[in-house]
N, C-alpha and C. Protein backbone atom coordinates (compact mmCIF):
# COMPACT_ATOMS: atom_id res chain seq x y z
N MET A 1 143.33 66.63 154.84
CA MET A 1 143.18 66.63 156.09
C MET A 1 143.76 65.24 156.66
N ARG A 2 143.69 63.96 156.00
CA ARG A 2 144.33 62.96 156.55
C ARG A 2 145.61 63.60 157.22
N THR A 3 146.48 63.89 155.95
CA THR A 3 147.91 64.28 156.33
C THR A 3 147.90 65.08 157.59
N LEU A 4 147.44 66.10 157.51
CA LEU A 4 147.38 67.15 158.65
C LEU A 4 147.24 66.47 159.75
N PHE A 5 146.35 65.34 159.97
CA PHE A 5 146.42 65.09 161.29
C PHE A 5 147.31 64.25 162.19
N LEU A 6 148.15 63.25 160.58
CA LEU A 6 148.90 62.23 160.86
C LEU A 6 150.21 63.12 161.47
N ILE A 7 150.23 64.29 160.59
CA ILE A 7 151.04 65.24 161.39
C ILE A 7 151.58 65.81 162.48
N LEU A 8 150.40 66.28 163.04
CA LEU A 8 149.78 66.62 164.20
C LEU A 8 150.10 65.64 165.16
N LEU A 9 149.82 64.55 164.45
CA LEU A 9 150.11 63.41 165.80
C LEU A 9 151.87 63.25 166.28
N THR A 10 152.51 63.17 165.25
CA THR A 10 154.17 63.35 165.58
C THR A 10 154.76 64.55 166.08
N LEU A 11 154.03 65.68 166.11
CA LEU A 11 154.65 66.78 166.65
C LEU A 11 155.04 66.33 168.56
N PRO A 12 156.18 66.71 168.63
CA PRO A 12 156.10 66.99 170.63
C PRO A 12 155.04 67.88 170.84
N LEU A 13 154.24 67.26 172.38
CA LEU A 13 153.34 68.07 172.82
C LEU A 13 153.78 69.74 172.96
N THR A 14 154.94 70.09 173.35
CA THR A 14 155.52 71.38 173.53
C THR A 14 155.22 72.20 172.37
N VAL A 15 155.12 71.46 171.04
CA VAL A 15 155.07 72.33 169.42
C VAL A 15 153.47 72.71 169.62
N ILE A 16 152.66 71.99 169.86
CA ILE A 16 151.21 72.25 170.04
C ILE A 16 151.14 72.99 171.18
N ALA A 17 150.68 74.78 170.71
CA ALA A 17 150.34 75.61 171.60
C ALA A 17 148.59 75.31 171.96
N GLU A 18 148.44 75.53 173.52
CA GLU A 18 147.31 75.67 173.94
C GLU A 18 146.66 76.90 173.61
N ILE A 19 145.29 76.71 173.72
CA ILE A 19 144.27 77.85 173.46
C ILE A 19 143.07 77.61 174.49
N ILE A 20 142.55 79.36 174.70
CA ILE A 20 141.92 79.37 175.77
C ILE A 20 140.57 79.88 175.36
N ASP A 21 139.42 79.50 174.83
CA ASP A 21 138.82 80.24 174.38
C ASP A 21 137.73 80.89 175.77
N ILE A 22 137.40 82.19 176.00
CA ILE A 22 136.70 82.58 177.33
C ILE A 22 135.65 83.57 177.10
N PRO A 23 134.21 82.50 177.04
CA PRO A 23 132.94 83.49 176.73
C PRO A 23 133.01 84.26 177.78
N ILE A 24 132.59 85.83 177.18
CA ILE A 24 132.15 86.64 178.08
C ILE A 24 130.68 87.32 178.31
N PHE A 25 130.38 87.46 179.41
CA PHE A 25 128.81 87.46 179.78
C PHE A 25 128.50 89.27 180.54
N ARG A 26 127.77 89.69 180.28
CA ARG A 26 127.54 90.93 180.80
C ARG A 26 127.25 90.11 182.19
N ILE A 27 127.71 91.45 183.21
CA ILE A 27 126.71 91.17 184.88
C ILE A 27 126.70 92.19 185.44
N GLY A 28 125.63 91.86 186.43
CA GLY A 28 125.03 92.85 187.01
C GLY A 28 124.59 92.74 188.50
N PRO A 29 124.06 93.08 189.60
CA PRO A 29 123.62 92.77 190.76
C PRO A 29 122.91 91.62 190.78
N GLU A 30 121.96 91.39 189.95
CA GLU A 30 121.21 90.09 189.53
C GLU A 30 122.06 88.60 188.90
N GLY A 31 123.27 89.12 188.96
CA GLY A 31 124.23 87.77 188.42
C GLY A 31 124.60 88.19 186.71
N THR A 32 124.89 86.80 186.42
CA THR A 32 125.42 86.87 185.13
C THR A 32 124.36 86.62 183.75
N GLY A 33 124.18 87.86 182.88
CA GLY A 33 123.40 88.04 181.91
C GLY A 33 123.67 87.48 180.32
N ALA A 34 123.35 88.27 179.22
CA ALA A 34 124.00 87.85 177.92
C ALA A 34 125.08 87.57 177.77
N PRO A 35 125.31 86.78 176.52
CA PRO A 35 126.83 87.41 175.96
C PRO A 35 127.23 87.79 175.06
N ILE A 36 128.14 88.25 175.32
CA ILE A 36 128.90 89.74 174.58
C ILE A 36 129.98 89.28 173.59
N GLY A 37 130.26 88.14 173.52
CA GLY A 37 131.55 87.81 172.59
C GLY A 37 132.34 86.78 173.60
N HIS A 38 133.54 86.92 173.03
CA HIS A 38 134.44 86.01 173.98
C HIS A 38 135.92 86.83 173.55
N VAL A 39 136.93 86.12 174.21
CA VAL A 39 138.86 86.19 174.15
C VAL A 39 138.97 84.98 173.82
N ILE A 40 140.15 85.10 173.26
CA ILE A 40 140.56 83.86 172.87
C ILE A 40 142.13 84.41 173.49
N VAL A 41 142.52 83.33 174.34
CA VAL A 41 143.76 83.74 175.23
C VAL A 41 145.11 82.30 174.36
N LYS A 42 145.90 82.87 173.79
CA LYS A 42 147.32 81.94 173.64
C LYS A 42 148.51 82.26 174.07
N GLU A 43 149.63 81.81 174.41
CA GLU A 43 150.98 82.00 174.32
C GLU A 43 151.70 81.88 173.68
N ALA A 44 152.31 83.21 173.33
CA ALA A 44 153.45 83.27 172.34
C ALA A 44 154.30 84.29 173.10
N LYS A 45 155.87 83.68 172.17
CA LYS A 45 157.22 84.46 172.74
C LYS A 45 157.04 85.15 173.77
N GLY A 46 156.82 83.87 174.75
CA GLY A 46 156.93 84.36 176.41
C GLY A 46 156.28 85.69 176.68
N ARG A 47 154.99 85.50 176.04
CA ARG A 47 154.13 86.41 177.09
C ARG A 47 152.24 86.04 176.53
N VAL A 48 151.52 85.92 177.09
CA VAL A 48 150.25 85.96 177.10
C VAL A 48 149.35 87.04 176.04
N GLU A 49 148.92 86.45 175.03
CA GLU A 49 148.27 87.23 174.10
C GLU A 49 146.54 87.04 174.68
N PHE A 50 145.51 88.04 174.65
CA PHE A 50 144.24 88.59 174.47
C PHE A 50 143.82 88.55 173.27
N LEU A 51 143.01 87.95 172.81
CA LEU A 51 142.52 88.68 171.47
C LEU A 51 140.72 88.68 172.05
N PRO A 52 140.63 89.95 172.17
CA PRO A 52 138.90 90.24 171.81
C PRO A 52 138.03 90.06 171.20
N ALA A 53 136.93 89.76 171.24
CA ALA A 53 136.10 89.75 169.82
C ALA A 53 134.64 90.19 170.56
N LEU A 54 134.10 90.98 171.29
CA LEU A 54 132.99 91.80 171.94
C LEU A 54 132.61 92.68 171.46
N GLN A 55 131.24 92.55 171.66
CA GLN A 55 130.02 93.33 171.21
C GLN A 55 129.56 94.41 172.07
N GLY A 56 128.55 95.47 172.16
CA GLY A 56 127.74 95.71 172.91
C GLY A 56 128.49 96.57 174.18
N LEU A 57 130.00 96.55 174.38
CA LEU A 57 130.21 97.82 175.56
C LEU A 57 129.79 98.95 174.97
N VAL A 58 130.25 99.93 176.23
CA VAL A 58 130.45 101.35 175.90
C VAL A 58 131.83 101.84 175.28
N PRO A 59 131.83 102.78 174.32
CA PRO A 59 133.18 102.97 173.54
C PRO A 59 133.94 103.78 174.68
N GLY A 60 135.21 103.48 174.27
CA GLY A 60 136.22 104.26 175.30
C GLY A 60 137.39 102.99 176.10
N LYS A 61 138.10 103.36 176.92
CA LYS A 61 138.82 102.35 177.92
C LYS A 61 138.65 101.86 178.65
N HIS A 62 138.90 100.70 179.19
CA HIS A 62 137.94 99.82 180.21
C HIS A 62 139.24 99.28 181.01
N GLY A 63 138.65 99.13 182.39
CA GLY A 63 139.81 98.23 182.64
C GLY A 63 139.49 96.69 182.52
N PHE A 64 140.58 95.78 182.22
CA PHE A 64 140.64 94.49 182.18
C PHE A 64 141.78 93.56 183.13
N HIS A 65 141.18 93.02 183.93
CA HIS A 65 141.89 92.28 184.86
C HIS A 65 141.57 90.72 185.08
N ILE A 66 142.89 89.57 185.51
CA ILE A 66 142.70 88.63 185.64
C ILE A 66 142.45 88.79 187.30
N HIS A 67 140.96 88.03 187.83
CA HIS A 67 140.66 88.03 189.03
C HIS A 67 140.73 86.77 189.39
N GLU A 68 141.12 86.50 190.72
CA GLU A 68 141.46 85.31 191.35
C GLU A 68 140.44 84.13 191.60
N LYS A 69 139.19 84.54 191.74
CA LYS A 69 138.18 83.16 191.40
C LYS A 69 137.55 82.96 190.20
N PRO A 70 137.01 81.62 189.86
CA PRO A 70 136.50 81.51 188.88
C PRO A 70 134.74 81.96 188.85
N ASP A 71 134.30 82.76 189.35
CA ASP A 71 133.04 83.09 189.72
C ASP A 71 132.92 84.71 189.24
N CYS A 72 131.60 84.71 188.59
CA CYS A 72 131.39 86.18 187.76
C CYS A 72 130.34 86.44 188.57
N GLY A 73 129.56 85.91 189.45
CA GLY A 73 128.41 86.10 190.22
C GLY A 73 128.38 87.25 191.36
N ALA A 74 127.55 87.76 191.56
CA ALA A 74 127.14 88.94 192.47
C ALA A 74 127.43 88.44 193.79
N GLN A 75 127.78 89.19 194.95
CA GLN A 75 127.80 89.14 196.35
C GLN A 75 127.59 90.36 197.14
N GLU A 76 127.02 90.57 198.21
CA GLU A 76 126.81 91.53 198.83
C GLU A 76 127.92 92.43 199.58
N LYS A 77 127.93 93.65 199.22
CA LYS A 77 129.03 94.45 200.02
C LYS A 77 128.07 95.68 200.62
N GLU A 78 128.13 95.79 201.68
CA GLU A 78 127.52 96.99 202.56
C GLU A 78 126.25 96.98 202.49
N GLY A 79 125.18 95.56 202.02
CA GLY A 79 124.59 95.43 202.16
C GLY A 79 123.59 95.61 200.78
N LYS A 80 124.67 95.45 200.13
CA LYS A 80 123.61 96.05 198.68
C LYS A 80 124.92 94.60 197.37
N LEU A 81 124.03 94.24 196.81
CA LEU A 81 124.23 93.26 196.10
C LEU A 81 125.12 93.69 194.81
N THR A 82 126.39 93.16 194.58
CA THR A 82 127.61 94.07 193.71
C THR A 82 127.70 93.42 192.31
N ALA A 83 127.69 93.36 191.55
CA ALA A 83 128.35 92.61 190.00
C ALA A 83 129.36 92.29 190.15
N GLY A 84 129.72 90.73 190.18
CA GLY A 84 131.11 90.46 189.67
C GLY A 84 131.68 90.07 191.14
N LEU A 85 131.52 90.64 192.24
CA LEU A 85 132.15 90.48 193.15
C LEU A 85 132.68 89.34 193.65
N ALA A 86 132.16 87.97 193.48
CA ALA A 86 132.49 86.54 193.75
C ALA A 86 133.33 86.30 193.14
N ALA A 87 133.99 87.55 192.09
CA ALA A 87 135.41 87.04 191.23
C ALA A 87 136.52 87.10 192.40
N GLY A 88 136.58 87.96 193.63
CA GLY A 88 137.42 88.28 194.24
C GLY A 88 138.29 89.37 193.98
N SER A 89 139.47 89.79 194.65
CA SER A 89 140.21 90.50 193.92
C SER A 89 141.28 90.58 192.54
N HIS A 90 142.22 90.88 192.28
CA HIS A 90 142.76 90.62 191.02
C HIS A 90 144.10 90.21 191.52
N TYR A 91 144.18 88.64 190.58
CA TYR A 91 145.07 88.16 190.79
C TYR A 91 146.81 88.32 191.33
N ASP A 92 147.27 88.16 192.39
CA ASP A 92 148.38 88.87 192.88
C ASP A 92 148.73 87.33 193.90
N PRO A 93 149.39 86.90 193.02
CA PRO A 93 150.35 85.61 193.22
C PRO A 93 151.49 86.08 194.72
N GLU A 94 152.01 86.90 194.61
CA GLU A 94 153.07 87.60 195.54
C GLU A 94 152.30 88.17 196.65
N GLN A 95 151.32 89.00 196.60
CA GLN A 95 150.62 89.50 197.55
C GLN A 95 151.22 90.52 197.74
N SER A 96 151.44 91.37 196.80
CA SER A 96 152.08 92.97 196.81
C SER A 96 151.38 93.74 196.91
N GLY A 97 149.45 93.61 196.92
CA GLY A 97 148.91 94.60 197.31
C GLY A 97 148.82 95.88 196.98
N LYS A 98 149.67 95.79 195.48
CA LYS A 98 149.60 96.98 194.93
C LYS A 98 148.81 96.74 193.52
N HIS A 99 148.70 98.24 193.03
CA HIS A 99 147.59 97.93 191.55
C HIS A 99 148.87 99.21 190.39
N LEU A 100 149.83 98.17 190.00
CA LEU A 100 150.84 98.81 189.54
C LEU A 100 150.73 98.69 187.95
N GLY A 101 149.80 98.36 187.31
CA GLY A 101 149.44 98.07 185.84
C GLY A 101 150.38 97.03 185.14
N PRO A 102 150.01 96.32 184.38
CA PRO A 102 150.58 95.28 183.55
C PRO A 102 152.28 95.14 183.71
N GLU A 103 152.99 95.96 183.51
CA GLU A 103 154.76 95.53 183.73
C GLU A 103 155.09 96.13 184.90
N GLY A 104 154.58 96.62 186.09
CA GLY A 104 155.33 96.96 187.13
C GLY A 104 154.70 95.75 188.48
N PRO A 105 155.43 95.97 189.56
CA PRO A 105 155.73 94.98 190.46
C PRO A 105 154.54 94.51 191.36
N GLY A 106 153.47 95.21 190.74
CA GLY A 106 152.27 94.66 191.59
C GLY A 106 151.35 93.74 190.72
N HIS A 107 150.21 93.52 191.05
CA HIS A 107 149.08 92.88 191.00
C HIS A 107 149.78 92.04 188.79
N ARG A 108 149.89 91.12 189.55
CA ARG A 108 150.27 90.10 187.61
C ARG A 108 148.43 90.20 187.46
N GLY A 109 147.24 90.39 187.64
CA GLY A 109 146.41 90.44 187.01
C GLY A 109 145.73 91.46 186.41
N ASP A 110 146.76 92.49 186.48
CA ASP A 110 146.65 93.80 185.90
C ASP A 110 147.14 93.52 184.09
N LEU A 111 145.91 93.69 183.42
CA LEU A 111 146.42 93.71 182.08
C LEU A 111 146.30 95.17 181.58
N PRO A 112 146.86 95.35 180.27
CA PRO A 112 146.54 96.67 179.63
C PRO A 112 145.29 97.01 179.56
N VAL A 113 144.68 98.24 179.50
CA VAL A 113 143.20 98.90 179.00
C VAL A 113 142.43 98.01 177.74
N LEU A 114 141.28 97.95 178.34
CA LEU A 114 140.58 97.50 176.91
C LEU A 114 139.88 98.85 176.16
N LEU A 115 140.52 98.32 174.83
CA LEU A 115 140.15 99.55 174.10
C LEU A 115 138.69 99.09 173.27
N VAL A 116 137.49 99.90 173.32
CA VAL A 116 136.38 99.59 172.86
C VAL A 116 136.25 101.01 171.65
N GLY A 117 135.56 100.60 170.56
CA GLY A 117 135.29 101.50 168.91
C GLY A 117 134.15 101.69 169.80
N GLU A 118 133.88 103.22 168.64
CA GLU A 118 132.58 103.83 168.83
C GLU A 118 131.33 102.93 168.55
N ASP A 119 131.90 101.60 167.80
CA ASP A 119 130.93 101.03 167.15
C ASP A 119 130.30 99.54 168.58
N GLY A 120 131.30 100.22 169.65
CA GLY A 120 131.25 99.32 170.97
C GLY A 120 131.76 98.04 170.98
N SER A 121 132.51 98.07 169.73
CA SER A 121 132.94 96.24 169.73
C SER A 121 134.66 96.71 170.36
N ALA A 122 135.00 95.25 170.66
CA ALA A 122 136.73 95.38 170.79
C ALA A 122 136.74 94.01 169.97
N ALA A 123 137.47 94.43 169.30
CA ALA A 123 137.70 93.53 167.94
C ALA A 123 138.83 93.24 167.76
N THR A 124 139.54 94.55 167.59
CA THR A 124 141.11 94.89 166.77
C THR A 124 142.32 94.90 168.11
N GLY A 125 143.13 94.06 167.68
CA GLY A 125 144.28 94.40 168.75
C GLY A 125 144.19 93.68 169.45
N VAL A 126 145.59 93.17 169.97
CA VAL A 126 145.75 92.28 170.69
C VAL A 126 146.57 92.62 172.29
N VAL A 127 145.81 92.46 173.27
CA VAL A 127 146.15 92.98 174.83
C VAL A 127 147.56 91.65 174.90
N LEU A 128 148.36 92.26 175.09
CA LEU A 128 149.46 91.68 175.88
C LEU A 128 149.76 91.58 177.37
N ALA A 129 149.82 90.68 177.82
CA ALA A 129 150.76 90.57 179.16
C ALA A 129 151.89 89.34 179.19
N SER A 130 153.05 90.19 179.71
CA SER A 130 154.21 89.36 179.88
C SER A 130 154.31 89.01 181.14
N ARG A 131 154.06 89.31 182.09
CA ARG A 131 154.15 88.88 183.49
C ARG A 131 153.10 87.44 183.63
N LEU A 132 152.31 86.57 182.89
CA LEU A 132 151.90 86.23 183.23
C LEU A 132 152.00 84.55 182.13
N ASN A 133 151.75 83.62 182.57
CA ASN A 133 151.95 82.21 181.67
C ASN A 133 150.07 81.45 181.01
N LEU A 134 149.94 80.77 180.53
CA LEU A 134 148.49 80.17 180.33
C LEU A 134 148.39 79.44 181.59
N GLN A 135 148.79 78.44 182.13
CA GLN A 135 149.02 77.78 183.24
C GLN A 135 148.33 78.19 184.70
N GLU A 136 148.73 79.68 184.84
CA GLU A 136 148.09 80.16 185.86
C GLU A 136 146.83 81.04 186.04
N LEU A 137 146.59 80.95 184.47
CA LEU A 137 145.16 81.72 183.91
C LEU A 137 143.98 80.59 184.51
N HIS A 138 144.02 79.25 184.52
CA HIS A 138 143.16 78.14 184.55
C HIS A 138 142.29 78.28 185.98
N GLY A 139 141.07 78.45 185.92
CA GLY A 139 140.53 78.01 187.27
C GLY A 139 140.37 79.98 188.01
N ARG A 140 140.60 80.63 187.01
CA ARG A 140 140.30 82.28 187.52
C ARG A 140 139.22 83.07 186.30
N SER A 141 139.26 84.42 186.58
CA SER A 141 138.11 84.98 185.62
C SER A 141 138.59 86.31 185.13
N LEU A 142 138.22 86.39 184.25
CA LEU A 142 138.63 87.82 183.33
C LEU A 142 137.51 88.33 183.29
N MET A 143 138.14 89.76 183.75
CA MET A 143 136.61 91.01 184.24
C MET A 143 137.20 92.13 183.31
N ILE A 144 135.96 92.57 182.68
CA ILE A 144 135.72 93.93 182.16
C ILE A 144 135.06 95.13 183.29
N HIS A 145 135.72 96.28 183.16
CA HIS A 145 135.17 97.41 184.04
C HIS A 145 134.90 98.30 183.23
N ALA A 146 133.91 99.15 184.04
CA ALA A 146 133.23 100.51 183.63
C ALA A 146 133.95 101.32 183.05
N GLU A 147 135.37 101.49 183.35
CA GLU A 147 135.95 102.80 182.89
C GLU A 147 137.24 102.32 183.14
N ALA A 148 138.35 103.35 182.50
CA ALA A 148 139.55 102.96 182.26
C ALA A 148 140.17 102.78 184.00
N ASP A 149 141.27 102.23 183.23
CA ASP A 149 141.98 101.72 184.66
C ASP A 149 143.71 102.78 184.58
N ASN A 150 143.67 103.58 185.82
CA ASN A 150 144.69 104.30 185.89
C ASN A 150 146.41 103.55 186.64
N TYR A 151 145.73 102.36 187.22
CA TYR A 151 146.86 101.85 187.71
C TYR A 151 147.04 102.33 188.93
N GLY A 152 146.58 102.67 189.80
CA GLY A 152 147.22 103.64 191.02
C GLY A 152 145.84 102.92 192.08
N ASP A 153 144.64 104.30 192.10
CA ASP A 153 144.13 104.37 192.80
C ASP A 153 142.22 104.00 192.31
N GLN A 154 142.19 103.98 190.76
CA GLN A 154 141.22 103.80 189.96
C GLN A 154 141.56 102.60 189.45
N PRO A 155 140.94 101.36 189.75
CA PRO A 155 140.89 99.80 188.76
C PRO A 155 139.94 99.96 187.76
N GLY A 156 139.08 100.79 187.63
CA GLY A 156 138.24 100.29 186.54
C GLY A 156 136.59 100.61 186.74
N GLY A 157 136.70 100.82 188.02
CA GLY A 157 135.00 101.39 188.51
C GLY A 157 134.46 99.87 188.30
N ALA A 158 133.12 100.19 188.04
CA ALA A 158 131.95 98.83 188.18
C ALA A 158 132.61 97.57 187.48
N ARG A 159 131.82 96.36 187.96
CA ARG A 159 132.31 95.27 187.02
C ARG A 159 131.28 95.38 185.81
N VAL A 160 131.50 95.00 184.82
CA VAL A 160 130.10 95.11 184.02
C VAL A 160 130.06 93.81 183.02
N ALA A 161 131.41 93.32 183.16
CA ALA A 161 131.37 91.92 182.02
C ALA A 161 132.18 90.62 182.62
N CYS A 162 132.30 89.87 182.45
CA CYS A 162 133.03 88.90 183.16
C CYS A 162 133.06 87.16 182.40
N GLY A 163 133.90 86.75 182.37
CA GLY A 163 134.01 85.19 181.96
C GLY A 163 135.02 84.42 182.73
N ILE A 164 134.47 82.67 183.09
CA ILE A 164 135.71 82.23 183.76
C ILE A 164 136.39 81.40 183.05
N ILE A 165 137.47 81.37 183.23
CA ILE A 165 138.67 80.99 182.51
C ILE A 165 138.91 79.47 182.66
N PRO A 166 138.34 78.44 181.89
CA PRO A 166 138.39 77.09 182.00
C PRO A 166 139.74 76.24 182.55
């Protein structure tokens, strides 16, 4: 163990990759609720990899996005508290205003859909984002929506789970 530590000390900082561990919580109009797992994020081969370890979600496809603000709280919309609204919109640094999917020229916060198995877990498979880097994720939030994202007029419906990216 001591040898490994000494080797790590001699490596240039660029060799030691950053890893972000994002705790994910259920959200609702009342605010942040119970934890449902976490998502590990790392950069590899010029793209960002999201490795979900989540449970208790509805089986199927879910919208999965980076949102602009580090806040998972509810906010009022049209006189009603709405889950996760404090996270703001999808991360869109170019201000494209377009929802065109993970490879399109729109929001950079659009990620591939999150696939949830029949047991309610999203623990297999890596979600890849080629248009992002780790540095721009800090101080934002990672959002899971109730439904699939069609990368057009339906970004996934209600916000059901969220984590703040440190």
